[in-house]
């Protein structure tokens, strides 16, 4: 069989695997693995946001700590995720074997994902606060706002779009990276992929990869919608556009001008 024929056969087998109800059910099915990875991703992202965003926003508000924020991001990007994951799995921490349904591998994966999510969150949080216009801050000070009030009422709402951009980036990165948990017997859709290729069942491996990619696209679209929702400029533009394009009511229709100039009369 030529290469094109083998590839088409693999696609057909992958499609058949996805259509098979047995592939989705059971403890090791696609649904169970999908829920594991979603929970792992949500937990890691929430923990990273709780750890990184308050620090980044406060440093940006003070106008200090830029060197710290940039270097934390650079160090986080430089560490190989798989190497960190392997080290964390090998560590024998108290209670790590009882980490819910995931065990030690799940705990190690969670820590690695949190560290992986911190760089975009810290960078965007800091930059978002620093990009708030100075004249806006001065106007808030002129209104008698305290630094805390200015932070909460003025700076934070204006910074939210850039912060949401960092959350969006971290979400998709964490979701995709969580797949490698299977390399250390961790939870998630990566188990479907690795088990399939280990048994030479390439259709199963491809099916797992397809689900990972599709969910990543869904998360990206949802995060983009959230980013637009918290953008005050985008909301104002949408409101203005909808207001200007709304049809006038019957009673609001303007009458055409019927003014007629008097012709000059002869003497």
Protein backbone atom coordinates (compact mmCIF):
# COMPACT_ATOMS: atom_id res chain seq x y z
CA UNK A 1 0.00 0.00 0.00
CA UNK A 2 1.38 3.43 -0.95
CA UNK A 3 1.87 6.25 1.53
CA UNK A 4 -1.29 8.14 0.59
CA UNK A 5 -3.40 5.02 0.93
CA UNK A 6 -1.94 4.18 4.34
CA UNK A 7 -2.56 7.73 5.53
CA UNK A 8 -6.17 7.69 4.38
CA UNK A 9 -6.67 4.34 6.10
CA UNK A 10 -5.24 5.78 9.33
CA UNK A 11 -7.62 8.73 9.12
CA UNK A 12 -10.54 6.37 8.55
CA UNK A 13 -9.56 4.23 11.55
CA UNK A 14 -9.16 7.33 13.70
CA UNK A 15 -12.62 8.54 12.70
CA UNK A 16 -14.04 5.11 13.46
CA UNK A 17 -12.37 5.14 16.88
CA UNK A 18 -13.94 8.50 17.67
CA UNK A 19 -17.38 7.26 16.58
CA UNK A 20 -17.15 4.13 18.72
CA UNK A 21 -19.09 4.63 21.97
CA UNK A 22 -16.76 2.25 23.81
CA UNK A 23 -13.87 4.64 23.17
CA UNK A 24 -15.58 7.30 25.27
CA UNK A 25 -16.87 5.25 28.20
CA UNK A 26 -15.18 3.48 31.09
CA UNK A 27 -12.49 4.55 33.51
CA UNK A 28 -9.86 4.81 30.79
CA UNK A 29 -12.12 6.22 28.08
CA UNK A 30 -11.93 9.59 26.39
CA UNK A 31 -14.54 11.21 28.65
CA UNK A 32 -12.78 10.20 31.87
CA UNK A 33 -9.37 11.28 30.58
CA UNK A 34 -10.82 14.53 29.25
CA UNK A 35 -12.33 15.39 32.63
CA UNK A 36 -9.03 14.56 34.34
CA UNK A 37 -7.12 16.93 32.09
CA UNK A 38 -9.72 19.69 32.38
CA UNK A 39 -9.60 19.47 36.18
CA UNK A 40 -5.81 19.45 36.15
CA UNK A 41 -5.70 22.46 33.81
CA UNK A 42 -8.28 24.45 35.78
CA UNK A 43 -6.55 23.73 39.10
CA UNK A 44 -3.11 24.66 37.78
CA UNK A 45 -4.36 27.87 36.16
CA UNK A 46 -6.30 28.93 39.26
CA UNK A 47 -3.28 28.30 41.51
CA UNK A 48 -0.97 30.21 39.16
CA UNK A 49 -3.39 33.15 39.04
CA UNK A 50 -3.63 33.27 42.83
CA UNK A 51 0.15 33.19 43.15
CA UNK A 52 1.23 35.37 40.26
CA UNK A 53 -1.42 37.98 39.49
CA UNK A 54 -1.60 39.78 42.87
CA UNK A 55 2.19 40.15 42.92
CA UNK A 56 2.39 41.32 39.30
CA UNK A 57 -0.49 43.80 39.63
CA UNK A 58 0.85 45.28 42.84
CA UNK A 59 4.39 45.65 41.47
CA UNK A 60 2.98 47.30 38.36
CA UNK A 61 0.88 49.62 40.50
CA UNK A 62 3.93 50.66 42.51
CA UNK A 63 6.05 51.02 39.38
CA UNK A 64 8.75 48.81 40.87
CA UNK A 65 9.95 45.27 40.48
CA UNK A 66 10.10 45.23 36.69
CA UNK A 67 13.44 43.44 36.83
CA UNK A 68 11.95 40.81 39.14
CA UNK A 69 8.90 40.26 36.94
CA UNK A 70 10.94 39.92 33.75
CA UNK A 71 13.46 37.54 35.31
CA UNK A 72 10.79 35.31 36.83
CA UNK A 73 9.27 35.02 33.38
CA UNK A 74 12.61 34.27 31.74
CA UNK A 75 13.53 31.61 34.29
CA UNK A 76 10.12 29.99 33.96
CA UNK A 77 10.47 29.79 30.19
CA UNK A 78 14.03 28.44 30.37
CA UNK A 79 13.23 25.40 32.54
CA UNK A 80 12.35 22.32 30.45
CA UNK A 81 8.89 21.24 31.56
CA UNK A 82 9.52 17.53 31.14
CA UNK A 83 12.79 17.68 33.12
CA UNK A 84 11.02 19.50 35.94
CA UNK A 85 8.20 16.98 35.83
CA UNK A 86 10.61 14.05 36.09
CA UNK A 87 12.34 15.62 39.11
CA UNK A 88 9.04 16.30 40.85
CA UNK A 89 7.83 12.74 40.30
CA UNK A 90 11.05 11.35 41.76
CA UNK A 91 10.70 13.48 44.90
CA UNK A 92 9.21 11.62 47.87
CA UNK A 93 7.08 14.26 49.54
CA UNK A 94 4.84 13.48 52.50
CA UNK A 95 1.34 12.80 51.31
CA UNK A 96 2.22 12.95 47.62
CA UNK A 97 0.95 9.41 47.12
CA UNK A 98 -2.51 10.39 48.37
CA UNK A 99 -3.16 13.36 46.10
CA UNK A 100 -6.74 12.55 45.22
CA UNK A 101 -7.22 10.24 42.24
CA UNK A 102 -3.98 11.37 40.60
CA UNK A 103 -1.32 10.18 43.01
CA UNK A 104 2.25 11.41 42.96
CA UNK A 105 2.33 11.90 39.19
CA UNK A 106 -0.73 14.13 39.35
CA UNK A 107 0.78 16.28 42.09
CA UNK A 108 4.06 16.59 40.20
CA UNK A 109 2.20 17.52 37.02
CA UNK A 110 0.15 20.14 38.86
CA UNK A 111 3.24 21.83 40.31
CA UNK A 112 5.00 21.80 36.94
CA UNK A 113 1.96 23.30 35.22
CA UNK A 114 1.64 26.04 37.84
CA UNK A 115 5.27 27.03 37.33
CA UNK A 116 4.76 26.89 33.57
CA UNK A 117 1.71 29.19 33.77
CA UNK A 118 3.36 31.86 35.91
CA UNK A 119 5.52 33.64 33.25
CA UNK A 120 2.71 34.89 30.96
CA UNK A 121 0.53 35.80 33.95
CA UNK A 122 3.25 37.78 35.72
CA UNK A 123 4.50 39.49 32.57
CA UNK A 124 1.06 40.55 31.35
CA UNK A 125 -0.11 41.57 34.81
CA UNK A 126 2.89 43.83 35.34
CA UNK A 127 2.81 45.32 31.84
CA UNK A 128 -0.95 45.90 32.07
CA UNK A 129 -0.58 48.09 35.14
CA UNK A 130 2.38 50.00 33.72
CA UNK A 131 0.47 50.81 30.52
CA UNK A 132 -2.32 52.67 32.31
CA UNK A 133 -1.97 56.27 31.05
CA UNK A 134 -0.33 58.68 33.45
CA UNK A 135 -2.93 61.39 32.83
CA UNK A 136 -5.66 58.98 33.91
CA UNK A 137 -3.83 58.32 37.16
CA UNK A 138 -3.32 62.04 37.72
CA UNK A 139 -7.01 62.66 37.09
CA UNK A 140 -7.89 60.05 39.71
CA UNK A 141 -5.49 61.70 42.17
CA UNK A 142 -7.08 65.05 41.40
CA UNK A 143 -10.47 63.63 42.33
CA UNK A 144 -9.10 62.82 45.78
CA UNK A 145 -8.80 59.06 45.38
CA UNK A 146 -6.37 57.21 47.61
CA UNK A 147 -3.79 54.89 46.02
CA UNK A 148 -5.92 51.90 46.92
CA UNK A 149 -9.05 53.45 45.43
CA UNK A 150 -7.18 54.44 42.28
CA UNK A 151 -5.88 50.89 41.93
CA UNK A 152 -9.31 49.32 42.38
CA UNK A 153 -11.51 51.78 40.47
CA UNK A 154 -9.23 53.08 37.72
CA UNK A 155 -6.07 51.08 37.07
CA UNK A 156 -7.42 47.56 37.46
CA UNK A 157 -10.40 47.96 35.07
CA UNK A 158 -8.13 49.47 32.41
CA UNK A 159 -5.55 46.71 32.91
CA UNK A 160 -8.03 43.84 32.66
CA UNK A 161 -7.80 43.31 28.86
CA UNK A 162 -4.02 42.77 28.98
CA UNK A 163 -4.36 40.62 32.10
CA UNK A 164 -7.01 38.55 30.33
CA UNK A 165 -4.63 38.14 27.40
CA UNK A 166 -2.09 36.59 29.76
CA UNK A 167 -4.72 34.29 31.24
CA UNK A 168 -5.74 33.27 27.72
CA UNK A 169 -2.16 32.43 26.77
CA UNK A 170 -1.53 30.55 30.01
CA UNK A 171 -4.76 28.56 29.66
CA UNK A 172 -3.95 27.21 26.20
CA UNK A 173 -0.32 26.52 27.13
CA UNK A 174 -1.25 24.67 30.31
CA UNK A 175 -3.89 22.60 28.50
CA UNK A 176 -1.46 21.52 25.80
CA UNK A 177 1.38 20.87 28.24
CA UNK A 178 -0.81 18.81 30.57
CA UNK A 179 -0.78 16.11 27.91
CA UNK A 180 2.81 15.19 28.81
CA UNK A 181 1.67 14.03 32.26
CA UNK A 182 1.16 10.63 30.64
CA UNK A 183 4.93 10.28 30.23
CA UNK A 184 5.19 9.85 34.02
CA UNK A 185 1.95 7.84 34.31
CA UNK A 186 -0.05 10.95 35.15
CA UNK A 187 -3.70 11.68 34.34
CA UNK A 188 -5.22 13.18 31.22
CA UNK A 189 -5.68 12.57 27.53
CA UNK A 190 -1.99 11.91 27.11
CA UNK A 191 -2.67 8.43 28.47
CA UNK A 192 -4.89 7.72 25.48
CA UNK A 193 -2.10 8.83 23.13
CA UNK A 194 0.79 7.00 24.78
CA UNK A 195 -1.16 3.78 25.34
CA UNK A 196 -2.27 3.79 21.72
CA UNK A 197 1.21 4.18 20.28
CA UNK A 198 2.65 1.70 22.79
CA UNK A 199 0.26 -0.96 21.41
CA UNK A 200 0.82 0.13 17.79
CA UNK A 201 -2.80 1.30 17.79
CA UNK A 202 -2.10 4.49 15.90
CA UNK A 203 -5.79 5.25 15.45
CA UNK A 204 -6.19 5.54 19.24
CA UNK A 205 -3.12 7.76 19.50
CA UNK A 206 -4.33 9.99 16.70
CA UNK A 207 -7.82 10.18 18.20
CA UNK A 208 -6.41 11.36 21.52
CA UNK A 209 -4.35 14.02 19.75
CA UNK A 210 -7.41 15.19 17.79
CA UNK A 211 -9.43 15.61 21.00
CA UNK A 212 -6.58 17.57 22.62
CA UNK A 213 -6.39 19.90 19.60
CA UNK A 214 -10.16 20.42 19.39
CA UNK A 215 -10.49 21.23 23.09
CA UNK A 216 -7.55 23.64 22.78
CA UNK A 217 -9.42 25.47 20.03
CA UNK A 218 -12.59 25.63 22.15
CA UNK A 219 -10.64 26.99 25.12
CA UNK A 220 -8.95 29.57 22.89
CA UNK A 221 -12.29 30.80 21.52
CA UNK A 222 -13.82 30.95 25.01
CA UNK A 223 -10.82 32.82 26.42
CA UNK A 224 -10.88 35.27 23.49
CA UNK A 225 -14.56 35.96 24.16
CA UNK A 226 -13.78 36.57 27.83
CA UNK A 227 -10.98 38.93 26.89
CA UNK A 228 -13.34 40.97 24.70
CA UNK A 229 -15.97 40.98 27.46
CA UNK A 230 -13.62 42.65 29.97
CA UNK A 231 -12.28 45.20 27.48
CA UNK A 232 -14.06 48.51 28.21
CA UNK A 233 -13.05 49.96 24.84
CA UNK A 234 -14.44 46.97 22.96
CA UNK A 235 -17.67 47.09 24.94
CA UNK A 236 -18.05 50.83 24.32
CA UNK A 237 -17.44 50.38 20.59
CA UNK A 238 -19.94 47.52 20.38
CA UNK A 239 -22.55 49.53 22.27
CA UNK A 240 -22.04 52.55 20.02
CA UNK A 241 -22.23 50.42 16.88
CA UNK A 242 -25.42 48.69 17.99
CA UNK A 243 -26.97 52.02 18.99
CA UNK A 244 -26.14 53.69 15.68
CA UNK A 245 -27.37 50.74 13.60
CA UNK A 246 -30.64 50.27 15.48
CA UNK A 247 -33.69 51.22 13.33
CA UNK A 248 -35.59 54.30 14.36
CA UNK A 249 -39.12 53.96 15.59
CA UNK A 250 -42.03 55.29 13.56
CA UNK A 251 -42.38 58.24 15.88
CA UNK A 252 -38.63 58.95 15.73
CA UNK A 253 -38.35 59.22 11.94
CA UNK A 254 -37.22 62.66 10.91
CA UNK A 255 -39.36 64.52 8.44
CA UNK A 256 -37.77 65.65 5.20
CA UNK A 257 -37.22 69.37 4.91
CA UNK A 258 -40.05 71.13 3.08
CA UNK A 259 -38.85 74.69 3.41
CA UNK A 260 -39.56 76.67 0.25
CA UNK A 261 -37.97 79.99 -0.36
CA UNK A 262 -40.27 82.78 -1.48
CA UNK A 263 -39.63 83.91 -4.98
CA UNK A 264 -38.78 87.57 -5.21
CA UNK A 265 -41.72 89.68 -6.35
CA UNK A 266 -41.31 92.14 -9.07
CA UNK A 267 -41.80 95.80 -8.41
